């Protein structure tokens, strides 16, 4: 079982992770490339690009930024779930078996919801 001090340390770590995820989401949300026309980024005058590679690069960059945004959003959801488990007294316990998650796993992944052996079991079925 985790001590109050360990739980407090994990909570502080999770709150820091939450700030980082929120900052990442804000960065990708406010990216000027999303607000401007594609032509503004490439310097093209018409919507028919003289260099299709420029348009492809812009589309690739936007897709990449959307992926980063989604990853930050998922991270934020996982962190919020872990913080909820702390508030509900369920942090550090597997959602599958209710067994304690080893401290080493929580140190490596503070948002862990399952024991490693349970993940392996789930993947084998």
C-alpha atoms as a PDB file:
ATOM      1  CA  UNK A   1       0.000   0.000   0.000  1.00  0.00           C
ATOM      2  CA  UNK A   2       1.212   3.501  -0.774  1.00  0.00           C
ATOM      3  CA  UNK A   3       2.033   5.885   2.044  1.00  0.00           C
ATOM      4  CA  UNK A   4       0.447   9.339   2.236  1.00  0.00           C
ATOM      5  CA  UNK A   5       3.852  10.830   1.364  1.00  0.00           C
ATOM      6  CA  UNK A   6       4.151   8.643  -1.758  1.00  0.00           C
ATOM      7  CA  UNK A   7       0.633   9.556  -2.847  1.00  0.00           C
ATOM      8  CA  UNK A   8       1.411  13.246  -2.329  1.00  0.00           C
ATOM      9  CA  UNK A   9       4.578  12.898  -4.426  1.00  0.00           C
ATOM     10  CA  UNK A  10       2.636  11.191  -7.225  1.00  0.00           C
ATOM     11  CA  UNK A  11      -0.055  13.881  -7.016  1.00  0.00           C
ATOM     12  CA  UNK A  12       2.564  16.624  -7.426  1.00  0.00           C
ATOM     13  CA  UNK A  13       4.081  14.763 -10.356  1.00  0.00           C
ATOM     14  CA  UNK A  14       0.646  14.322 -11.953  1.00  0.00           C
ATOM     15  CA  UNK A  15      -0.177  18.014 -11.485  1.00  0.00           C
ATOM     16  CA  UNK A  16       3.074  18.903 -13.251  1.00  0.00           C
ATOM     17  CA  UNK A  17       2.199  16.486 -16.075  1.00  0.00           C
ATOM     18  CA  UNK A  18      -1.232  18.138 -16.274  1.00  0.00           C
ATOM     19  CA  UNK A  19       0.345  21.583 -16.690  1.00  0.00           C
ATOM     20  CA  UNK A  20       2.608  20.260 -19.450  1.00  0.00           C
ATOM     21  CA  UNK A  21      -0.276  18.615 -21.310  1.00  0.00           C
ATOM     22  CA  UNK A  22      -2.402  21.770 -21.049  1.00  0.00           C
ATOM     23  CA  UNK A  23       0.505  23.883 -22.310  1.00  0.00           C
ATOM     24  CA  UNK A  24       1.047  21.487 -25.221  1.00  0.00           C
ATOM     25  CA  UNK A  25      -2.640  21.613 -26.134  1.00  0.00           C
ATOM     26  CA  UNK A  26      -2.631  25.400 -25.965  1.00  0.00           C
ATOM     27  CA  UNK A  27       0.459  25.582 -28.167  1.00  0.00           C
ATOM     28  CA  UNK A  28      -1.108  23.431 -30.880  1.00  0.00           C
ATOM     29  CA  UNK A  29      -4.490  25.148 -30.543  1.00  0.00           C
ATOM     30  CA  UNK A  30      -2.969  28.587 -31.025  1.00  0.00           C
ATOM     31  CA  UNK A  31      -0.705  27.635 -33.919  1.00  0.00           C
ATOM     32  CA  UNK A  32      -0.996  30.444 -36.478  1.00  0.00           C
ATOM     33  CA  UNK A  33      -0.843  27.936 -39.345  1.00  0.00           C
ATOM     34  CA  UNK A  34      -4.353  26.811 -38.416  1.00  0.00           C
ATOM     35  CA  UNK A  35      -5.721  30.330 -38.654  1.00  0.00           C
ATOM     36  CA  UNK A  36      -4.096  31.349 -41.915  1.00  0.00           C
ATOM     37  CA  UNK A  37      -4.849  30.120 -45.372  1.00  0.00           C
ATOM     38  CA  UNK A  38      -2.446  27.509 -46.653  1.00  0.00           C
ATOM     39  CA  UNK A  39      -1.259  30.092 -49.180  1.00  0.00           C
ATOM     40  CA  UNK A  40      -0.043  32.370 -46.385  1.00  0.00           C
ATOM     41  CA  UNK A  41       2.395  29.716 -45.219  1.00  0.00           C
ATOM     42  CA  UNK A  42       3.712  28.867 -48.683  1.00  0.00           C
ATOM     43  CA  UNK A  43       3.714  32.407 -50.049  1.00  0.00           C
ATOM     44  CA  UNK A  44       1.597  31.316 -52.993  1.00  0.00           C
ATOM     45  CA  UNK A  45      -0.766  33.905 -54.451  1.00  0.00           C
ATOM     46  CA  UNK A  46      -3.493  31.617 -55.808  1.00  0.00           C
ATOM     47  CA  UNK A  47      -5.071  28.533 -54.342  1.00  0.00           C
ATOM     48  CA  UNK A  48      -3.408  26.507 -57.094  1.00  0.00           C
ATOM     49  CA  UNK A  49       0.124  26.112 -55.847  1.00  0.00           C
ATOM     50  CA  UNK A  50       2.940  26.351 -58.359  1.00  0.00           C
ATOM     51  CA  UNK A  51       4.784  23.833 -56.227  1.00  0.00           C
ATOM     52  CA  UNK A  52       2.475  21.021 -55.086  1.00  0.00           C
ATOM     53  CA  UNK A  53       5.188  19.868 -52.682  1.00  0.00           C
ATOM     54  CA  UNK A  54       4.708  23.060 -50.652  1.00  0.00           C
ATOM     55  CA  UNK A  55       1.015  22.330 -50.246  1.00  0.00           C
ATOM     56  CA  UNK A  56       1.793  18.725 -49.320  1.00  0.00           C
ATOM     57  CA  UNK A  57       4.307  19.890 -46.731  1.00  0.00           C
ATOM     58  CA  UNK A  58       1.733  22.244 -45.186  1.00  0.00           C
ATOM     59  CA  UNK A  59      -0.852  19.463 -45.042  1.00  0.00           C
ATOM     60  CA  UNK A  60       1.700  17.110 -43.483  1.00  0.00           C
ATOM     61  CA  UNK A  61       2.646  19.702 -40.842  1.00  0.00           C
ATOM     62  CA  UNK A  62      -1.002  20.295 -39.962  1.00  0.00           C
ATOM     63  CA  UNK A  63      -1.654  16.569 -39.664  1.00  0.00           C
ATOM     64  CA  UNK A  64       1.418  16.219 -37.472  1.00  0.00           C
ATOM     65  CA  UNK A  65       0.287  19.083 -35.215  1.00  0.00           C
ATOM     66  CA  UNK A  66      -3.185  17.531 -34.946  1.00  0.00           C
ATOM     67  CA  UNK A  67      -1.549  14.267 -33.852  1.00  0.00           C
ATOM     68  CA  UNK A  68       0.479  16.114 -31.194  1.00  0.00           C
ATOM     69  CA  UNK A  69      -2.679  17.879 -30.013  1.00  0.00           C
ATOM     70  CA  UNK A  70      -4.534  14.553 -29.715  1.00  0.00           C
ATOM     71  CA  UNK A  71      -1.614  12.994 -27.835  1.00  0.00           C
ATOM     72  CA  UNK A  72      -1.568  15.913 -25.385  1.00  0.00           C
ATOM     73  CA  UNK A  73      -5.354  15.622 -24.954  1.00  0.00           C
ATOM     74  CA  UNK A  74      -5.107  11.889 -24.236  1.00  0.00           C
ATOM     75  CA  UNK A  75      -2.285  12.512 -21.765  1.00  0.00           C
ATOM     76  CA  UNK A  76      -4.413  15.129 -20.015  1.00  0.00           C
ATOM     77  CA  UNK A  77      -7.341  12.706 -19.777  1.00  0.00           C
ATOM     78  CA  UNK A  78      -5.086   9.987 -18.302  1.00  0.00           C
ATOM     79  CA  UNK A  79      -3.635  12.439 -15.775  1.00  0.00           C
ATOM     80  CA  UNK A  80      -7.097  13.675 -14.760  1.00  0.00           C
ATOM     81  CA  UNK A  81      -8.233  10.059 -14.325  1.00  0.00           C
ATOM     82  CA  UNK A  82      -5.218   9.369 -12.080  1.00  0.00           C
ATOM     83  CA  UNK A  83      -5.943  12.508 -10.024  1.00  0.00           C
ATOM     84  CA  UNK A  84      -9.555  11.342  -9.647  1.00  0.00           C
ATOM     85  CA  UNK A  85      -8.294   7.976  -8.386  1.00  0.00           C
ATOM     86  CA  UNK A  86      -6.185   9.814  -5.796  1.00  0.00           C
ATOM     87  CA  UNK A  87      -9.254  11.767  -4.632  1.00  0.00           C
ATOM     88  CA  UNK A  88     -11.323   8.560  -4.472  1.00  0.00           C
ATOM     89  CA  UNK A  89      -8.662   6.587  -2.583  1.00  0.00           C
ATOM     90  CA  UNK A  90      -8.178   4.177  -5.493  1.00  0.00           C
ATOM     91  CA  UNK A  91      -4.800   5.398  -6.762  1.00  0.00           C
ATOM     92  CA  UNK A  92      -2.186   2.668  -6.975  1.00  0.00           C
ATOM     93  CA  UNK A  93      -4.779  -0.099  -7.214  1.00  0.00           C
ATOM     94  CA  UNK A  94      -5.432  -2.008 -10.418  1.00  0.00           C
ATOM     95  CA  UNK A  95      -8.768  -1.187 -12.032  1.00  0.00           C
ATOM     96  CA  UNK A  96      -8.957  -4.817 -13.133  1.00  0.00           C
ATOM     97  CA  UNK A  97      -8.148  -6.790  -9.976  1.00  0.00           C
ATOM     98  CA  UNK A  98      -7.993  -4.206  -7.204  1.00  0.00           C
ATOM     99  CA  UNK A  99      -4.487  -5.475  -6.404  1.00  0.00           C
ATOM    100  CA  UNK A 100      -1.771  -2.913  -5.630  1.00  0.00           C
ATOM    101  CA  UNK A 101       0.258  -1.671  -8.598  1.00  0.00           C
ATOM    102  CA  UNK A 102       3.986  -1.925  -7.754  1.00  0.00           C
ATOM    103  CA  UNK A 103       5.560   1.420  -6.823  1.00  0.00           C
ATOM    104  CA  UNK A 104       8.223   0.918  -9.509  1.00  0.00           C
ATOM    105  CA  UNK A 105       5.520   0.846 -12.174  1.00  0.00           C
ATOM    106  CA  UNK A 106       3.888   3.992 -10.800  1.00  0.00           C
ATOM    107  CA  UNK A 107       7.268   5.727 -10.705  1.00  0.00           C
ATOM    108  CA  UNK A 108       7.786   4.866 -14.371  1.00  0.00           C
ATOM    109  CA  UNK A 109       4.181   5.633 -15.323  1.00  0.00           C
ATOM    110  CA  UNK A 110       2.209   7.629 -12.722  1.00  0.00           C
ATOM    111  CA  UNK A 111      -0.987   7.255 -14.744  1.00  0.00           C
ATOM    112  CA  UNK A 112      -0.852   3.419 -14.680  1.00  0.00           C
ATOM    113  CA  UNK A 113      -4.276   1.816 -14.253  1.00  0.00           C
ATOM    114  CA  UNK A 114      -3.261  -1.845 -14.293  1.00  0.00           C
ATOM    115  CA  UNK A 115      -0.480  -4.119 -13.152  1.00  0.00           C
ATOM    116  CA  UNK A 116       1.934  -5.164 -15.921  1.00  0.00           C
ATOM    117  CA  UNK A 117       0.960  -8.835 -15.595  1.00  0.00           C
ATOM    118  CA  UNK A 118      -2.689  -7.886 -16.172  1.00  0.00           C
ATOM    119  CA  UNK A 119      -1.840  -6.033 -19.367  1.00  0.00           C
ATOM    120  CA  UNK A 120      -0.009  -9.114 -20.635  1.00  0.00           C
ATOM    121  CA  UNK A 121      -3.057 -11.260 -19.769  1.00  0.00           C
ATOM    122  CA  UNK A 122      -5.379  -8.855 -21.595  1.00  0.00           C
ATOM    123  CA  UNK A 123      -3.215  -8.905 -24.748  1.00  0.00           C
ATOM    124  CA  UNK A 124      -3.051 -12.702 -24.828  1.00  0.00           C
ATOM    125  CA  UNK A 125      -6.841 -13.169 -24.894  1.00  0.00           C
END
